[in-house]
Each structure stands twice: as C-alpha cells, then as structure tokens.
Amino acid sequence: MENYLLFGAIGLFIIFVLLVLIFKLAAGEDCYSKMNNLHKKIFLIYILGAFGYAFYLGELNQFPIISFVVGSFIFLSLHYVYLFSLVGISKKSISINILVNIKELSTDGVNTSVKKLSEFMSSKENGLDYIRENRLKQMELLNWAEVKESQYHLTPKGRLFNRMGNTVLKIWNLKRL
C-alpha cells in the first residue's frame, strides 16, 4: 500500500505531464488554469485510487496516512514547486525575456547594443507595457483579480495568494521591491 501511494503519486504526475504535452495545455492564454484544472482532476484520481485500493485490500481501517500525506506532497510539489515555477520562469520572467531578446538581436548570439535592446523593448509587443498587460490578464484568468469600472479588485483567491506570498517573504525576512 505504501509503495502504491508513493510511486502512484510519481506515476500519476508523469501521466499529468504527458497529458499536458499531448493536449498542449501549457500553450495559450489561460495555460495556468488549464494545467491546474487537469492537475486537480488527476489528484482526485490519486485520492480515490488510494482509498479504493485500501478498501480493496481490506486495509481501510489501517490506512497509512503518513504515506498518503507524503505521496500527496510529492504529487502537489512536482507541479506547483517545480513544473509550474519552471514554466513560469521560462515564459514570464522579465529577466529571461531580456536574455532571449539580447540573443535574438545579436549577430553573434551573445552581444547586442544597449540602444538596440532598448528600442526593441520599447515596441508594443516586446516592452514592459506588454508584459504588464499580459500579467494583469493572467491574474484575471486565474481569478486572482477582476476589473470593475476600470479598477482592479483582488478576489478572495487573489487575497489568499497575496497573504501566502507575504508569509513566505516574512519567513525568509524578505520584502517586496
């Protein structure tokens, strides 16, 4: 049972990644929502499978809760700590985008002038305004904020994630810029 709980979490996460790749869920405007929804569904399969398997074995009264918690932690962490962060950094990081721009603007793949980079990033589709608008749209898609009468309002979900972020920063004795 313990092996099922631990290896099942890893196996179901691999299935999750394969489904994301097959159906190209990481692409598109609402990629985070699509990936999160699929992840929740597969996590539900993990939970139902764990208790169903324990029932099948007749071990429901001796359910290994610690192994279940560890398996759940593995499944959730692989997505939210590793995959989600890696995709987010690769796609949304301003610093990574600047590095890509430098490479694309250079003739040797390494160097470009400050002037050329500044002009490129000042254009509508490459600049900080575009990045800001993209992030605000993503916050709406994730249901973290909504626009009402030309004002952004944090949703309860947005306030929760803000508090969580503030807690993490406080634990590490960091402040927002």
Protein backbone atom coordinates (compact mmCIF):
# COMPACT_ATOMS: atom_id res chain seq x y z
CA MET A 1 0.00 0.00 0.00
CA GLU A 2 2.81 2.42 0.88
CA ASN A 3 4.51 1.74 -2.46
CA TYR A 4 1.25 2.43 -4.30
CA LEU A 5 0.88 5.75 -2.50
CA LEU A 6 4.43 6.92 -3.20
CA PHE A 7 5.02 5.50 -6.67
CA GLY A 8 1.40 6.18 -7.63
CA ALA A 9 1.97 9.89 -6.98
CA ILE A 10 5.01 9.90 -9.26
CA GLY A 11 3.27 7.78 -11.90
CA LEU A 12 0.19 9.98 -11.96
CA PHE A 13 2.37 13.07 -12.19
CA ILE A 14 4.11 11.57 -15.23
CA ILE A 15 0.66 10.93 -16.75
CA PHE A 16 -0.23 14.55 -15.96
CA VAL A 17 2.89 15.82 -17.76
CA LEU A 18 2.20 13.59 -20.76
CA LEU A 19 -1.40 14.86 -20.99
CA VAL A 20 -0.19 18.45 -20.75
CA LEU A 21 2.23 17.81 -23.61
CA ILE A 22 -0.21 15.83 -25.77
CA PHE A 23 -3.03 18.36 -25.44
CA LYS A 24 -0.64 21.36 -25.40
CA LEU A 25 -2.22 22.72 -22.22
CA ALA A 26 0.82 24.85 -21.40
CA ALA A 27 0.14 26.90 -24.53
CA GLY A 28 -2.43 29.61 -24.82
CA GLU A 29 -3.72 32.48 -22.81
CA ASP A 30 -5.19 30.53 -19.90
CA CYS A 31 -2.49 27.85 -19.67
CA TYR A 32 -2.20 28.03 -15.89
CA SER A 33 -5.91 27.47 -15.40
CA LYS A 34 -5.98 24.54 -17.83
CA MET A 35 -2.98 22.90 -16.19
CA ASN A 36 -4.33 23.47 -12.68
CA ASN A 37 -7.72 22.01 -13.59
CA LEU A 38 -6.16 18.87 -15.05
CA HIS A 39 -3.85 18.61 -12.04
CA LYS A 40 -6.81 18.77 -9.65
CA LYS A 41 -8.64 16.05 -11.58
CA ILE A 42 -5.64 13.74 -11.53
CA PHE A 43 -5.11 14.46 -7.83
CA LEU A 44 -8.72 13.44 -7.23
CA ILE A 45 -7.95 10.19 -9.08
CA TYR A 46 -4.96 9.74 -6.76
CA ILE A 47 -7.13 10.24 -3.66
CA LEU A 48 -9.93 7.97 -4.88
CA GLY A 49 -7.39 5.38 -6.04
CA ALA A 50 -5.63 5.40 -2.69
CA PHE A 51 -8.77 4.85 -0.67
CA GLY A 52 -10.21 2.46 -3.26
CA TYR A 53 -7.06 0.34 -3.20
CA ALA A 54 -7.04 0.33 0.60
CA PHE A 55 -10.68 -0.76 0.57
CA TYR A 56 -9.89 -3.49 -1.98
CA LEU A 57 -7.05 -4.79 0.20
CA GLY A 58 -9.25 -4.61 3.28
CA GLU A 59 -6.83 -2.15 4.91
CA LEU A 60 -9.09 0.86 5.09
CA ASN A 61 -9.04 0.79 8.89
CA GLN A 62 -5.20 0.68 8.80
CA PHE A 63 -4.81 3.30 6.08
CA PRO A 64 -1.18 4.55 6.00
CA ILE A 65 -1.99 8.23 6.40
CA ILE A 66 1.69 9.28 6.57
CA SER A 67 2.43 7.63 3.21
CA PHE A 68 -0.70 9.24 1.78
CA VAL A 69 0.38 12.68 3.00
CA VAL A 70 3.90 12.17 1.62
CA GLY A 71 2.52 10.94 -1.72
CA SER A 72 0.17 13.92 -1.88
CA PHE A 73 3.04 16.25 -1.07
CA ILE A 74 5.14 14.70 -3.84
CA PHE A 75 2.31 14.98 -6.38
CA LEU A 76 1.47 18.58 -5.47
CA SER A 77 5.09 19.69 -5.15
CA LEU A 78 6.15 18.32 -8.51
CA HIS A 79 3.56 20.56 -10.14
CA TYR A 80 3.41 23.70 -8.03
CA VAL A 81 7.02 23.88 -6.89
CA TYR A 82 8.89 22.54 -9.89
CA LEU A 83 6.90 22.37 -13.14
CA PHE A 84 4.73 25.43 -12.54
CA SER A 85 7.72 27.52 -11.46
CA LEU A 86 9.89 26.33 -14.34
CA VAL A 87 7.23 27.18 -16.92
CA GLY A 88 6.53 30.48 -15.19
CA ILE A 89 10.18 31.49 -15.09
CA SER A 90 10.81 30.38 -18.67
CA LYS A 91 7.77 32.16 -20.08
CA LYS A 92 7.02 35.08 -17.77
CA SER A 93 10.34 36.18 -16.28
CA ILE A 94 11.31 39.66 -17.40
CA SER A 95 14.99 38.76 -16.96
CA ILE A 96 14.70 35.62 -19.10
CA ASN A 97 12.81 37.57 -21.76
CA ILE A 98 15.56 40.19 -21.82
CA LEU A 99 18.18 37.44 -22.24
CA VAL A 100 16.19 36.00 -25.16
CA ASN A 101 15.91 39.45 -26.72
CA ILE A 102 19.67 40.01 -26.43
CA LYS A 103 20.33 36.68 -28.12
CA GLU A 104 17.81 37.29 -30.91
CA LEU A 105 19.05 40.83 -31.59
CA SER A 106 22.72 39.90 -31.68
CA THR A 107 24.64 38.90 -34.75
CA ASP A 108 26.85 36.52 -32.81
CA GLY A 109 24.15 35.13 -30.46
CA VAL A 110 25.70 36.83 -27.42
CA ASN A 111 26.11 40.60 -27.83
CA THR A 112 23.79 43.47 -28.70
CA SER A 113 23.91 47.19 -28.08
CA VAL A 114 22.01 48.86 -25.25
CA LYS A 115 20.36 51.16 -27.80
CA LYS A 116 19.17 48.30 -30.00
CA LEU A 117 17.80 46.39 -26.98
CA SER A 118 16.05 49.49 -25.60
CA GLU A 119 14.43 50.24 -28.96
CA PHE A 120 13.32 46.64 -29.33
CA MET A 121 11.83 46.53 -25.84
CA SER A 122 10.08 49.87 -26.42
CA SER A 123 7.98 48.37 -29.18
CA LYS A 124 4.43 47.49 -28.22
CA GLU A 125 4.77 43.68 -28.49
CA ASN A 126 8.08 43.41 -26.62
CA GLY A 127 8.04 46.11 -23.99
CA LEU A 128 7.29 46.32 -20.33
CA ASP A 129 3.78 47.61 -21.07
CA TYR A 130 3.06 44.38 -22.95
CA ILE A 131 4.46 42.29 -20.09
CA ARG A 132 2.39 44.23 -17.55
CA GLU A 133 -0.81 43.83 -19.56
CA ASN A 134 -0.10 40.14 -20.05
CA ARG A 135 0.37 39.62 -16.30
CA LEU A 136 -2.80 41.51 -15.45
CA LYS A 137 -4.75 39.40 -17.95
CA GLN A 138 -3.23 36.27 -16.39
CA MET A 139 -4.39 37.42 -12.94
CA GLU A 140 -7.91 37.70 -14.31
CA LEU A 141 -7.74 34.25 -15.91
CA LEU A 142 -6.50 32.75 -12.64
CA ASN A 143 -9.34 34.52 -10.83
CA TRP A 144 -6.92 36.44 -8.64
CA ALA A 145 -8.27 39.82 -9.73
CA GLU A 146 -11.16 41.24 -11.67
CA VAL A 147 -11.77 44.53 -13.44
CA LYS A 148 -14.81 46.51 -12.40
CA GLU A 149 -15.39 50.06 -13.58
CA SER A 150 -11.78 50.44 -14.76
CA GLN A 151 -10.36 49.32 -11.41
CA TYR A 152 -8.65 46.08 -10.46
CA HIS A 153 -10.13 44.30 -7.46
CA LEU A 154 -8.49 41.39 -5.72
CA THR A 155 -10.75 38.36 -5.47
CA PRO A 156 -10.80 36.24 -2.32
CA LYS A 157 -8.47 33.84 -4.15
CA GLY A 158 -6.15 36.75 -5.01
CA ARG A 159 -6.10 37.92 -1.40
CA LEU A 160 -5.29 34.36 -0.28
CA PHE A 161 -2.34 34.09 -2.67
CA ASN A 162 -1.14 37.55 -1.67
CA ARG A 163 -1.20 36.53 2.01
CA MET A 164 0.62 33.29 1.19
CA GLY A 165 3.30 35.23 -0.71
CA ASN A 166 3.64 37.73 2.12
CA THR A 167 4.01 34.86 4.61
CA VAL A 168 6.76 33.24 2.55
CA LEU A 169 8.60 36.56 2.28
CA LYS A 170 8.22 37.18 6.02
CA ILE A 171 9.58 33.72 6.87
CA TRP A 172 12.67 34.44 4.74
CA ASN A 173 12.92 38.01 6.09
CA LEU A 174 12.38 39.48 2.61
CA LYS A 175 10.33 42.41 1.37
CA ARG A 176 8.69 43.12 -1.95
CA LEU A 177 10.57 45.53 -4.18
